[in-house]
Amino acid sequence: MNINPICNENKCTYQKNSFKARKPEVKIINQVDDYVQEILNKYNAPLENHAKMYGKDIKIAQKENSVFINSGVITSSINLRKMSHARDFYRGIVDNLRVNSEIEKNGLKKSLEKLI
């Protein structure tokens, strides 16, 4: 929501701070199962903070047992059956953010090597 200026007889007062709704940095594409949703609920605040720090939006999608994470050029996936702990899921998202933020500086090839 934007705040419009108040104008009286050709004098307008603008507010310095416009109030806008906060857009979420973590977006779920399609639907995810209950397990993934619970993990996202648990780690939502730290993930939002990481996304703000890196200046990226995180998009998460799921197809069967694979969860796809995209925060830029590189999309990574996590196999839920091979995951041993919920921290692995969180760490995969943070690694994707880090690698996508380093692409401009290091190049795509070096960034991909860090992720693999």
PDB file of N, CA and C in Angstrom:
ATOM      1  N   MET A   1       0.839  -1.158   0.000  1.00  0.00           N
ATOM      2  CA  MET A   1       0.000   0.000   0.000  1.00  0.00           C
ATOM      3  C   MET A   1       0.890   1.229   0.000  1.00  0.00           C
ATOM      4  N   ASN A   2       0.701   2.119  -0.950  1.00  0.00           N
ATOM      5  CA  ASN A   2       1.436   3.368  -0.995  1.00  0.00           C
ATOM      6  C   ASN A   2       0.608   4.460  -0.338  1.00  0.00           C
ATOM      7  N   ILE A   3       1.266   5.385   0.312  1.00  0.00           N
ATOM      8  CA  ILE A   3       0.601   6.525   0.920  1.00  0.00           C
ATOM      9  C   ILE A   3       0.695   7.693  -0.048  1.00  0.00           C
ATOM     10  N   ASN A   4      -0.441   8.211  -0.455  1.00  0.00           N
ATOM     11  CA  ASN A   4      -0.456   9.338  -1.378  1.00  0.00           C
ATOM     12  C   ASN A   4      -0.268  10.637  -0.609  1.00  0.00           C
ATOM     13  N   PRO A   5       0.281  11.669  -1.272  1.00  0.00           N
ATOM     14  CA  PRO A   5       0.469  12.943  -0.587  1.00  0.00           C
ATOM     15  C   PRO A   5      -0.866  13.620  -0.297  1.00  0.00           C
ATOM     16  N   ILE A   6      -0.873  14.415   0.743  1.00  0.00           N
ATOM     17  CA  ILE A   6      -2.059  15.190   1.092  1.00  0.00           C
ATOM     18  C   ILE A   6      -1.886  16.574   0.486  1.00  0.00           C
ATOM     19  N   CYS A   7      -2.807  17.002  -0.348  1.00  0.00           N
ATOM     20  CA  CYS A   7      -2.679  18.281  -1.041  1.00  0.00           C
ATOM     21  C   CYS A   7      -3.826  19.210  -0.658  1.00  0.00           C
ATOM     22  N   ASN A   8      -3.485  20.388  -0.237  1.00  0.00           N
ATOM     23  CA  ASN A   8      -4.441  21.441   0.067  1.00  0.00           C
ATOM     24  C   ASN A   8      -3.976  22.725  -0.613  1.00  0.00           C
ATOM     25  N   GLU A   9      -4.757  23.260  -1.510  1.00  0.00           N
ATOM     26  CA  GLU A   9      -4.463  24.519  -2.187  1.00  0.00           C
ATOM     27  C   GLU A   9      -3.041  24.572  -2.728  1.00  0.00           C
ATOM     28  N   ASN A  10      -2.689  23.640  -3.570  1.00  0.00           N
ATOM     29  CA  ASN A  10      -1.392  23.558  -4.254  1.00  0.00           C
ATOM     30  C   ASN A  10      -0.217  23.304  -3.318  1.00  0.00           C
ATOM     31  N   LYS A  11      -0.433  23.013  -2.080  1.00  0.00           N
ATOM     32  CA  LYS A  11       0.646  22.642  -1.166  1.00  0.00           C
ATOM     33  C   LYS A  11       0.486  21.170  -0.840  1.00  0.00           C
ATOM     34  N   CYS A  12       1.511  20.418  -1.132  1.00  0.00           N
ATOM     35  CA  CYS A  12       1.467  18.986  -0.878  1.00  0.00           C
ATOM     36  C   CYS A  12       2.488  18.633   0.195  1.00  0.00           C
ATOM     37  N   THR A  13       2.102  17.792   1.097  1.00  0.00           N
ATOM     38  CA  THR A  13       3.037  17.276   2.094  1.00  0.00           C
ATOM     39  C   THR A  13       3.255  15.804   1.782  1.00  0.00           C
ATOM     40  N   TYR A  14       4.498  15.462   1.563  1.00  0.00           N
ATOM     41  CA  TYR A  14       4.851  14.076   1.267  1.00  0.00           C
ATOM     42  C   TYR A  14       5.414  13.441   2.523  1.00  0.00           C
ATOM     43  N   GLN A  15       5.057  12.236   2.748  1.00  0.00           N
ATOM     44  CA  GLN A  15       5.676  11.525   3.852  1.00  0.00           C
ATOM     45  C   GLN A  15       7.004  10.977   3.387  1.00  0.00           C
ATOM     46  N   LYS A  16       7.988  11.066   4.248  1.00  0.00           N
ATOM     47  CA  LYS A  16       9.306  10.569   3.887  1.00  0.00           C
ATOM     48  C   LYS A  16       9.316   9.056   3.767  1.00  0.00           C
ATOM     49  N   ASN A  17       8.605   8.396   4.624  1.00  0.00           N
ATOM     50  CA  ASN A  17       8.557   6.930   4.596  1.00  0.00           C
ATOM     51  C   ASN A  17       7.223   6.493   4.031  1.00  0.00           C
ATOM     52  N   SER A  18       7.262   5.809   2.904  1.00  0.00           N
ATOM     53  CA  SER A  18       6.018   5.250   2.393  1.00  0.00           C
ATOM     54  C   SER A  18       5.849   3.865   3.006  1.00  0.00           C
ATOM     55  N   PHE A  19       4.657   3.549   3.366  1.00  0.00           N
ATOM     56  CA  PHE A  19       4.385   2.274   4.010  1.00  0.00           C
ATOM     57  C   PHE A  19       3.947   1.277   2.956  1.00  0.00           C
ATOM     58  N   LYS A  20       4.732   0.245   2.804  1.00  0.00           N
ATOM     59  CA  LYS A  20       4.423  -0.808   1.839  1.00  0.00           C
ATOM     60  C   LYS A  20       4.389  -2.134   2.583  1.00  0.00           C
ATOM     61  N   ALA A  21       3.603  -3.021   2.061  1.00  0.00           N
ATOM     62  CA  ALA A  21       3.558  -4.354   2.649  1.00  0.00           C
ATOM     63  C   ALA A  21       4.900  -5.037   2.398  1.00  0.00           C
ATOM     64  N   ARG A  22       5.365  -5.787   3.366  1.00  0.00           N
ATOM     65  CA  ARG A  22       6.635  -6.491   3.239  1.00  0.00           C
ATOM     66  C   ARG A  22       6.438  -7.701   2.336  1.00  0.00           C
ATOM     67  N   LYS A  23       7.260  -7.786   1.312  1.00  0.00           N
ATOM     68  CA  LYS A  23       7.148  -8.950   0.436  1.00  0.00           C
ATOM     69  C   LYS A  23       8.042 -10.056   0.967  1.00  0.00           C
ATOM     70  N   PRO A  24       7.558 -11.274   0.958  1.00  0.00           N
ATOM     71  CA  PRO A  24       8.356 -12.374   1.502  1.00  0.00           C
ATOM     72  C   PRO A  24       9.513 -12.722   0.571  1.00  0.00           C
ATOM     73  N   GLU A  25      10.635 -13.076   1.170  1.00  0.00           N
ATOM     74  CA  GLU A  25      11.794 -13.483   0.388  1.00  0.00           C
ATOM     75  C   GLU A  25      11.751 -14.965   0.046  1.00  0.00           C
ATOM     76  N   VAL A  26      11.023 -15.760   0.817  1.00  0.00           N
ATOM     77  CA  VAL A  26      10.895 -17.197   0.568  1.00  0.00           C
ATOM     78  C   VAL A  26       9.527 -17.439  -0.048  1.00  0.00           C
ATOM     79  N   LYS A  27       9.525 -17.906  -1.308  1.00  0.00           N
ATOM     80  CA  LYS A  27       8.267 -18.146  -2.018  1.00  0.00           C
ATOM     81  C   LYS A  27       8.167 -19.611  -2.398  1.00  0.00           C
ATOM     82  N   ILE A  28       7.002 -20.175  -2.175  1.00  0.00           N
ATOM     83  CA  ILE A  28       6.756 -21.575  -2.520  1.00  0.00           C
ATOM     84  C   ILE A  28       6.008 -21.609  -3.849  1.00  0.00           C
ATOM     85  N   ILE A  29       6.573 -22.308  -4.808  1.00  0.00           N
ATOM     86  CA  ILE A  29       5.958 -22.475  -6.117  1.00  0.00           C
ATOM     87  C   ILE A  29       5.174 -23.790  -6.080  1.00  0.00           C
ATOM     88  N   ASN A  30       3.944 -23.765  -6.548  1.00  0.00           N
ATOM     89  CA  ASN A  30       3.043 -24.920  -6.482  1.00  0.00           C
ATOM     90  C   ASN A  30       2.817 -25.324  -5.036  1.00  0.00           C
ATOM     91  N   GLN A  31       2.890 -26.609  -4.745  1.00  0.00           N
ATOM     92  CA  GLN A  31       2.654 -27.086  -3.386  1.00  0.00           C
ATOM     93  C   GLN A  31       3.809 -27.954  -2.933  1.00  0.00           C
ATOM     94  N   VAL A  32       4.013 -27.949  -1.630  1.00  0.00           N
ATOM     95  CA  VAL A  32       5.005 -28.834  -1.029  1.00  0.00           C
ATOM     96  C   VAL A  32       4.279 -29.713  -0.013  1.00  0.00           C
ATOM     97  N   ASP A  33       4.880 -30.858   0.311  1.00  0.00           N
ATOM     98  CA  ASP A  33       4.223 -31.739   1.275  1.00  0.00           C
ATOM     99  C   ASP A  33       4.371 -31.197   2.695  1.00  0.00           C
ATOM    100  N   ASP A  34       3.743 -31.856   3.627  1.00  0.00           N
ATOM    101  CA  ASP A  34       3.706 -31.373   5.009  1.00  0.00           C
ATOM    102  C   ASP A  34       5.092 -31.334   5.650  1.00  0.00           C
ATOM    103  N   TYR A  35       5.934 -32.312   5.327  1.00  0.00           N
ATOM    104  CA  TYR A  35       7.280 -32.363   5.914  1.00  0.00           C
ATOM    105  C   TYR A  35       8.093 -31.139   5.510  1.00  0.00           C
ATOM    106  N   VAL A  36       8.091 -30.821   4.225  1.00  0.00           N
ATOM    107  CA  VAL A  36       8.831 -29.648   3.730  1.00  0.00           C
ATOM    108  C   VAL A  36       8.233 -28.369   4.306  1.00  0.00           C
ATOM    109  N   GLN A  37       6.923 -28.303   4.402  1.00  0.00           N
ATOM    110  CA  GLN A  37       6.276 -27.116   4.958  1.00  0.00           C
ATOM    111  C   GLN A  37       6.667 -26.910   6.422  1.00  0.00           C
ATOM    112  N   GLU A  38       6.756 -27.991   7.188  1.00  0.00           N
ATOM    113  CA  GLU A  38       7.169 -27.881   8.584  1.00  0.00           C
ATOM    114  C   GLU A  38       8.612 -27.399   8.710  1.00  0.00           C
ATOM    115  N   ILE A  39       9.489 -27.896   7.840  1.00  0.00           N
ATOM    116  CA  ILE A  39      10.880 -27.440   7.857  1.00  0.00           C
ATOM    117  C   ILE A  39      10.945 -25.950   7.520  1.00  0.00           C
ATOM    118  N   LEU A  40      10.191 -25.549   6.513  1.00  0.00           N
ATOM    119  CA  LEU A  40      10.174 -24.137   6.134  1.00  0.00           C
ATOM    120  C   LEU A  40       9.608 -23.267   7.253  1.00  0.00           C
ATOM    121  N   ASN A  41       8.603 -23.755   7.961  1.00  0.00           N
ATOM    122  CA  ASN A  41       8.058 -23.009   9.093  1.00  0.00           C
ATOM    123  C   ASN A  41       9.097 -22.861  10.203  1.00  0.00           C
ATOM    124  N   LYS A  42       9.863 -23.913  10.430  1.00  0.00           N
ATOM    125  CA  LYS A  42      10.872 -23.894  11.491  1.00  0.00           C
ATOM    126  C   LYS A  42      12.005 -22.925  11.172  1.00  0.00           C
ATOM    127  N   TYR A  43      12.459 -22.925   9.926  1.00  0.00           N
ATOM    128  CA  TYR A  43      13.614 -22.120   9.528  1.00  0.00           C
ATOM    129  C   TYR A  43      13.224 -20.851   8.770  1.00  0.00           C
ATOM    130  N   ASN A  44      11.978 -20.427   8.837  1.00  0.00           N
ATOM    131  CA  ASN A  44      11.521 -19.282   8.049  1.00  0.00           C
ATOM    132  C   ASN A  44      12.269 -17.997   8.396  1.00  0.00           C
ATOM    133  N   ALA A  45      12.378 -17.668   9.668  1.00  0.00           N
ATOM    134  CA  ALA A  45      13.024 -16.410  10.071  1.00  0.00           C
ATOM    135  C   ALA A  45      14.498 -16.357   9.663  1.00  0.00           C
ATOM    136  N   PRO A  46      15.301 -17.393   9.929  1.00  0.00           N
ATOM    137  CA  PRO A  46      16.692 -17.325   9.486  1.00  0.00           C
ATOM    138  C   PRO A  46      16.828 -17.272   7.964  1.00  0.00           C
ATOM    139  N   LEU A  47      15.958 -17.991   7.237  1.00  0.00           N
ATOM    140  CA  LEU A  47      16.025 -17.955   5.778  1.00  0.00           C
ATOM    141  C   LEU A  47      15.676 -16.570   5.248  1.00  0.00           C
ATOM    142  N   GLU A  48      14.665 -15.933   5.842  1.00  0.00           N
ATOM    143  CA  GLU A  48      14.298 -14.572   5.439  1.00  0.00           C
ATOM    144  C   GLU A  48      15.475 -13.623   5.680  1.00  0.00           C
ATOM    145  N   ASN A  49      16.169 -13.775   6.811  1.00  0.00           N
ATOM    146  CA  ASN A  49      17.311 -12.913   7.108  1.00  0.00           C
ATOM    147  C   ASN A  49      18.447 -13.127   6.115  1.00  0.00           C
ATOM    148  N   HIS A  50      18.727 -14.392   5.781  1.00  0.00           N
ATOM    149  CA  HIS A  50      19.767 -14.677   4.791  1.00  0.00           C
ATOM    150  C   HIS A  50      19.397 -14.082   3.433  1.00  0.00           C
ATOM    151  N   ALA A  51      18.150 -14.224   3.033  1.00  0.00           N
ATOM    152  CA  ALA A  51      17.708 -13.693   1.745  1.00  0.00           C
ATOM    153  C   ALA A  51      17.849 -12.171   1.706  1.00  0.00           C
ATOM    154  N   LYS A  52      17.532 -11.505   2.808  1.00  0.00           N
ATOM    155  CA  LYS A  52      17.706 -10.046   2.870  1.00  0.00           C
ATOM    156  C   LYS A  52      19.171  -9.664   2.790  1.00  0.00           C
ATOM    157  N   MET A  53      20.034 -10.410   3.489  1.00  0.00           N
ATOM    158  CA  MET A  53      21.463 -10.101   3.477  1.00  0.00           C
ATOM    159  C   MET A  53      22.049 -10.226   2.077  1.00  0.00           C
ATOM    160  N   TYR A  54      21.645 -11.277   1.362  1.00  0.00           N
ATOM    161  CA  TYR A  54      22.166 -11.493   0.020  1.00  0.00           C
ATOM    162  C   TYR A  54      21.398 -10.702  -1.041  1.00  0.00           C
ATOM    163  N   GLY A  55      20.252 -10.152  -0.689  1.00  0.00           N
ATOM    164  CA  GLY A  55      19.448  -9.386  -1.642  1.00  0.00           C
ATOM    165  C   GLY A  55      18.806 -10.250  -2.710  1.00  0.00           C
ATOM    166  N   LYS A  56      18.429 -11.457  -2.357  1.00  0.00           N
ATOM    167  CA  LYS A  56      17.845 -12.412  -3.307  1.00  0.00           C
ATOM    168  C   LYS A  56      16.512 -12.924  -2.786  1.00  0.00           C
ATOM    169  N   ASP A  57      15.667 -13.366  -3.701  1.00  0.00           N
ATOM    170  CA  ASP A  57      14.440 -14.070  -3.355  1.00  0.00           C
ATOM    171  C   ASP A  57      14.695 -15.566  -3.514  1.00  0.00           C
ATOM    172  N   ILE A  58      14.114 -16.344  -2.635  1.00  0.00           N
ATOM    173  CA  ILE A  58      14.264 -17.799  -2.690  1.00  0.00           C
ATOM    174  C   ILE A  58      12.956 -18.388  -3.197  1.00  0.00           C
ATOM    175  N   LYS A  59      13.055 -19.199  -4.245  1.00  0.00           N
ATOM    176  CA  LYS A  59      11.883 -19.902  -4.771  1.00  0.00           C
ATOM    177  C   LYS A  59      12.076 -21.386  -4.510  1.00  0.00           C
ATOM    178  N   ILE A  60      11.048 -22.008  -3.945  1.00  0.00           N
ATOM    179  CA  ILE A  60      11.121 -23.421  -3.583  1.00  0.00           C
ATOM    180  C   ILE A  60       9.975 -24.166  -4.258  1.00  0.00           C
ATOM    181  N   ALA A  61      10.308 -25.263  -4.901  1.00  0.00           N
ATOM    182  CA  ALA A  61       9.311 -26.111  -5.549  1.00  0.00           C
ATOM    183  C   ALA A  61       9.636 -27.560  -5.209  1.00  0.00           C
ATOM    184  N   GLN A  62       8.614 -28.403  -5.263  1.00  0.00           N
ATOM    185  CA  GLN A  62       8.808 -29.818  -4.973  1.00  0.00           C
ATOM    186  C   GLN A  62       8.165 -30.667  -6.041  1.00  0.00           C
ATOM    187  N   LYS A  63       8.880 -31.722  -6.416  1.00  0.00           N
ATOM    188  CA  LYS A  63       8.340 -32.737  -7.319  1.00  0.00           C
ATOM    189  C   LYS A  63       8.743 -34.085  -6.748  1.00  0.00           C
ATOM    190  N   GLU A  64       7.768 -34.814  -6.285  1.00  0.00           N
ATOM    191  CA  GLU A  64       7.947 -36.107  -5.634  1.00  0.00           C
ATOM    192  C   GLU A  64       8.910 -35.971  -4.459  1.00  0.00           C
ATOM    193  N   ASN A  65      10.080 -36.621  -4.500  1.00  0.00           N
ATOM    194  CA  ASN A  65      11.007 -36.582  -3.374  1.00  0.00           C
ATOM    195  C   ASN A  65      12.119 -35.552  -3.543  1.00  0.00           C
ATOM    196  N   SER A  66      12.055 -34.741  -4.577  1.00  0.00           N
ATOM    197  CA  SER A  66      13.077 -33.723  -4.807  1.00  0.00           C
ATOM    198  C   SER A  66      12.509 -32.334  -4.547  1.00  0.00           C
ATOM    199  N   VAL A  67      13.295 -31.526  -3.844  1.00  0.00           N
ATOM    200  CA  VAL A  67      12.937 -30.135  -3.589  1.00  0.00           C
ATOM    201  C   VAL A  67      13.937 -29.280  -4.353  1.00  0.00           C
ATOM    202  N   PHE A  68      13.426 -28.350  -5.162  1.00  0.00           N
ATOM    203  CA  PHE A  68      14.265 -27.493  -5.986  1.00  0.00           C
ATOM    204  C   PHE A  68      14.313 -26.099  -5.376  1.00  0.00           C
ATOM    205  N   ILE A  69      15.528 -25.562  -5.274  1.00  0.00           N
ATOM    206  CA  ILE A  69      15.752 -24.248  -4.686  1.00  0.00           C
ATOM    207  C   ILE A  69      16.405 -23.363  -5.739  1.00  0.00           C
ATOM    208  N   ASN A  70      15.820 -22.175  -5.934  1.00  0.00           N
ATOM    209  CA  ASN A  70      16.363 -21.229  -6.897  1.00  0.00           C
ATOM    210  C   ASN A  70      16.392 -19.849  -6.267  1.00  0.00           C
ATOM    211  N   SER A  71      17.560 -19.217  -6.331  1.00  0.00           N
ATOM    212  CA  SER A  71      17.691 -17.846  -5.849  1.00  0.00           C
ATOM    213  C   SER A  71      18.479 -17.006  -6.846  1.00  0.00           C
ATOM    214  N   GLY A  72      18.471 -17.426  -8.086  1.00  0.00           N
ATOM    215  CA  GLY A  72      19.211 -16.703  -9.111  1.00  0.00           C
ATOM    216  C   GLY A  72      19.405 -17.576 -10.334  1.00  0.00           C
ATOM    217  N   VAL A  73      20.630 -17.651 -10.802  1.00  0.00           N
ATOM    218  CA  VAL A  73      20.944 -18.407 -12.014  1.00  0.00           C
ATOM    219  C   VAL A  73      20.956 -19.911 -11.750  1.00  0.00           C
ATOM    220  N   ILE A  74      21.539 -20.308 -10.637  1.00  0.00           N
ATOM    221  CA  ILE A  74      21.732 -21.725 -10.330  1.00  0.00           C
ATOM    222  C   ILE A  74      20.549 -22.252  -9.512  1.00  0.00           C
ATOM    223  N   THR A  75      20.008 -23.376  -9.961  1.00  0.00           N
ATOM    224  CA  THR A  75      18.963 -24.081  -9.219  1.00  0.00           C
ATOM    225  C   THR A  75      19.572 -25.344  -8.646  1.00  0.00           C
ATOM    226  N   SER A  76      19.413 -25.540  -7.355  1.00  0.00           N
ATOM    227  CA  SER A  76      19.923 -26.767  -6.738  1.00  0.00           C
ATOM    228  C   SER A  76      18.753 -27.617  -6.281  1.00  0.00           C
ATOM    229  N   SER A  77      19.025 -28.894  -6.073  1.00  0.00           N
ATOM    230  CA  SER A  77      17.955 -29.790  -5.623  1.00  0.00           C
ATOM    231  C   SER A  77      18.423 -30.583  -4.413  1.00  0.00           C
ATOM    232  N   ILE A  78      17.459 -30.959  -3.605  1.00  0.00           N
ATOM    233  CA  ILE A  78      17.721 -31.768  -2.425  1.00  0.00           C
ATOM    234  C   ILE A  78      16.800 -32.979  -2.497  1.00  0.00           C
ATOM    235  N   ASN A  79      17.387 -34.160  -2.382  1.00  0.00           N
ATOM    236  CA  ASN A  79      16.604 -35.388  -2.362  1.00  0.00           C
ATOM    237  C   ASN A  79      16.196 -35.651  -0.913  1.00  0.00           C
ATOM    238  N   LEU A  80      14.899 -35.668  -0.654  1.00  0.00           N
ATOM    239  CA  LEU A  80      14.409 -35.825   0.713  1.00  0.00           C
ATOM    240  C   LEU A  80      14.744 -37.187   1.305  1.00  0.00           C
ATOM    241  N   ARG A  81      14.849 -38.207   0.481  1.00  0.00           N
ATOM    242  CA  ARG A  81      15.144 -39.558   0.995  1.00  0.00           C
ATOM    243  C   ARG A  81      16.598 -39.669   1.468  1.00  0.00           C
ATOM    244  N   LYS A  82      17.494 -38.894   0.836  1.00  0.00           N
ATOM    245  CA  LYS A  82      18.904 -38.951   1.213  1.00  0.00           C
ATOM    246  C   LYS A  82      19.246 -37.968   2.326  1.00  0.00           C
ATOM    247  N   MET A  83      18.309 -37.129   2.699  1.00  0.00           N
ATOM    248  CA  MET A  83      18.547 -36.124   3.722  1.00  0.00           C
ATOM    249  C   MET A  83      18.499 -36.777   5.101  1.00  0.00           C
ATOM    250  N   SER A  84      19.523 -36.519   5.925  1.00  0.00           N
ATOM    251  CA  SER A  84      19.558 -37.143   7.251  1.00  0.00           C
ATOM    252  C   SER A  84      18.958 -36.261   8.331  1.00  0.00           C
ATOM    253  N   HIS A  85      18.964 -34.949   8.146  1.00  0.00           N
ATOM    254  CA  HIS A  85      18.463 -34.047   9.173  1.00  0.00           C
ATOM    255  C   HIS A  85      17.900 -32.797   8.504  1.00  0.00           C
ATOM    256  N   ALA A  86      17.015 -32.100   9.176  1.00  0.00           N
ATOM    257  CA  ALA A  86      16.408 -30.885   8.621  1.00  0.00           C
ATOM    258  C   ALA A  86      17.442 -29.795   8.388  1.00  0.00           C
ATOM    259  N   ARG A  87      18.555 -29.827   9.142  1.00  0.00           N
ATOM    260  CA  ARG A  87      19.623 -28.844   8.919  1.00  0.00           C
ATOM    261  C   ARG A  87      20.212 -28.969   7.524  1.00  0.00           C
ATOM    262  N   ASP A  88      20.214 -30.173   6.956  1.00  0.00           N
ATOM    263  CA  ASP A  88      20.716 -30.360   5.596  1.00  0.00           C
ATOM    264  C   ASP A  88      19.874 -29.564   4.599  1.00  0.00           C
ATOM    265  N   PHE A  89      18.587 -29.542   4.818  1.00  0.00           N
ATOM    266  CA  PHE A  89      17.670 -28.782   3.970  1.00  0.00           C
ATOM    267  C   PHE A  89      17.980 -27.291   4.080  1.00  0.00           C
ATOM    268  N   TYR A  90      18.101 -26.816   5.312  1.00  0.00           N
ATOM    269  CA  TYR A  90      18.426 -25.404   5.569  1.00  0.00           C
ATOM    270  C   TYR A  90      19.780 -25.048   4.964  1.00  0.00           C
ATOM    271  N   ARG A  91      20.763 -25.905   5.166  1.00  0.00           N
ATOM    272  CA  ARG A  91      22.114 -25.655   4.645  1.00  0.00           C
ATOM    273  C   ARG A  91      22.108 -25.613   3.120  1.00  0.00           C
ATOM    274  N   GLY A  92      21.302 -26.452   2.470  1.00  0.00           N
ATOM    275  CA  GLY A  92      21.206 -26.443   1.011  1.00  0.00           C
ATOM    276  C   GLY A  92      20.653 -25.128   0.482  1.00  0.00           C
ATOM    277  N   ILE A  93      19.686 -24.566   1.184  1.00  0.00           N
ATOM    278  CA  ILE A  93      19.112 -23.284   0.758  1.00  0.00           C
ATOM    279  C   ILE A  93      20.124 -22.164   0.928  1.00  0.00           C
ATOM    280  N   VAL A  94      20.828 -22.147   2.064  1.00  0.00           N
ATOM    281  CA  VAL A  94      21.824 -21.102   2.314  1.00  0.00           C
ATOM    282  C   VAL A  94      22.984 -21.215   1.323  1.00  0.00           C
ATOM    283  N   ASP A  95      23.407 -22.441   1.003  1.00  0.00           N
ATOM    284  CA  ASP A  95      24.468 -22.622   0.011  1.00  0.00           C
ATOM    285  C   ASP A  95      24.042 -22.112  -1.357  1.00  0.00           C
ATOM    286  N   ASN A  96      22.790 -22.347  -1.735  1.00  0.00           N
ATOM    287  CA  ASN A  96      22.289 -21.845  -3.013  1.00  0.00           C
ATOM    288  C   ASN A  96      22.312 -20.317  -3.042  1.00  0.00           C
ATOM    289  N   LEU A  97      21.918 -19.693  -1.958  1.00  0.00           N
ATOM    290  CA  LEU A  97      21.967 -18.226  -1.860  1.00  0.00           C
ATOM    291  C   LEU A  97      23.392 -17.714  -2.004  1.00  0.00           C
ATOM    292  N   ARG A  98      24.317 -18.335  -1.295  1.00  0.00           N
ATOM    293  CA  ARG A  98      25.708 -17.897  -1.303  1.00  0.00           C
ATOM    294  C   ARG A  98      26.311 -18.018  -2.707  1.00  0.00           C
ATOM    295  N   VAL A  99      26.089 -19.155  -3.332  1.00  0.00           N
ATOM    296  CA  VAL A  99      26.664 -19.391  -4.656  1.00  0.00           C
ATOM    297  C   VAL A  99      26.082 -18.425  -5.683  1.00  0.00           C
ATOM    298  N   ASN A 100      24.770 -18.193  -5.639  1.00  0.00           N
ATOM    299  CA  ASN A 100      24.159 -17.277  -6.598  1.00  0.00           C
ATOM    300  C   ASN A 100      24.611 -15.834  -6.390  1.00  0.00           C
ATOM    301  N   SER A 101      24.971 -15.487  -5.175  1.00  0.00           N
ATOM    302  CA  SER A 101      25.453 -14.126  -4.942  1.00  0.00           C
ATOM    303  C   SER A 101      26.901 -13.949  -5.393  1.00  0.00           C
ATOM    304  N   GLU A 102      27.655 -15.043  -5.494  1.00  0.00           N
ATOM    305  CA  GLU A 102      29.058 -14.972  -5.896  1.00  0.00           C
ATOM    306  C   GLU A 102      29.274 -15.107  -7.394  1.00  0.00           C
ATOM    307  N   ILE A 103      28.225 -15.334  -8.163  1.00  0.00           N
ATOM    308  CA  ILE A 103      28.379 -15.566  -9.603  1.00  0.00           C
ATOM    309  C   ILE A 103      28.994 -14.366 -10.307  1.00  0.00           C
ATOM    310  N   GLU A 104      28.561 -13.163  -9.994  1.00  0.00           N
ATOM    311  CA  GLU A 104      29.091 -11.973 -10.662  1.00  0.00           C
ATOM    312  C   GLU A 104      30.585 -11.805 -10.393  1.00  0.00           C
ATOM    313  N   LYS A 105      31.006 -12.111  -9.175  1.00  0.00           N
ATOM    314  CA  LYS A 105      32.408 -11.913  -8.809  1.00  0.00           C
ATOM    315  C   LYS A 105      33.294 -13.055  -9.304  1.00  0.00           C
ATOM    316  N   ASN A 106      32.882 -14.292  -9.092  1.00  0.00           N
ATOM    317  CA  ASN A 106      33.719 -15.453  -9.392  1.00  0.00           C
ATOM    318  C   ASN A 106      33.459 -16.090 -10.750  1.00  0.00           C
ATOM    319  N   GLY A 107      32.321 -15.836 -11.338  1.00  0.00           N
ATOM    320  CA  GLY A 107      31.957 -16.493 -12.575  1.00  0.00           C
ATOM    321  C   GLY A 107      31.143 -17.746 -12.307  1.00  0.00           C
ATOM    322  N   LEU A 108      30.443 -18.200 -13.321  1.00  0.00           N
ATOM    323  CA  LEU A 108      29.543 -19.334 -13.164  1.00  0.00           C
ATOM    324  C   LEU A 108      30.269 -20.636 -12.871  1.00  0.00           C
ATOM    325  N   LYS A 109      31.379 -20.879 -13.550  1.00  0.00           N
ATOM    326  CA  LYS A 109      32.084 -22.152 -13.396  1.00  0.00           C
ATOM    327  C   LYS A 109      32.629 -22.338 -11.981  1.00  0.00           C
ATOM    328  N   LYS A 110      33.301 -21.331 -11.442  1.00  0.00           N
ATOM    329  CA  LYS A 110      33.847 -21.441 -10.086  1.00  0.00           C
ATOM    330  C   LYS A 110      32.744 -21.528  -9.043  1.00  0.00           C
ATOM    331  N   SER A 111      31.649 -20.819  -9.279  1.00  0.00           N
ATOM    332  CA  SER A 111      30.528 -20.875  -8.323  1.00  0.00           C
ATOM    333  C   SER A 111      29.902 -22.257  -8.309  1.00  0.00           C
ATOM    334  N   LEU A 112      29.741 -22.875  -9.481  1.00  0.00           N
ATOM    335  CA  LEU A 112      29.183 -24.215  -9.561  1.00  0.00           C
ATOM    336  C   LEU A 112      30.078 -25.237  -8.864  1.00  0.00           C
ATOM    337  N   GLU A 113      31.387 -25.050  -8.970  1.00  0.00           N
ATOM    338  CA  GLU A 113      32.302 -25.981  -8.319  1.00  0.00           C
ATOM    339  C   GLU A 113      32.133 -25.958  -6.807  1.00  0.00           C
ATOM    340  N   LYS A 114      31.832 -24.788  -6.233  1.00  0.00           N
ATOM    341  CA  LYS A 114      31.625 -24.693  -4.785  1.00  0.00           C
ATOM    342  C   LYS A 114      30.359 -25.413  -4.360  1.00  0.00           C
ATOM    343  N   LEU A 115      29.341 -25.388  -5.210  1.00  0.00           N
ATOM    344  CA  LEU A 115      28.075 -26.010  -4.864  1.00  0.00           C
ATOM    345  C   LEU A 115      28.148 -27.524  -4.958  1.00  0.00           C
ATOM    346  N   ILE A 116      28.883 -28.031  -5.908  1.00  0.00           N
ATOM    347  CA  ILE A 116      28.998 -29.476  -6.110  1.00  0.00           C
ATOM    348  C   ILE A 116      30.026 -30.002  -5.184  1.00  0.00           C
TER     349      ILE A 116
END
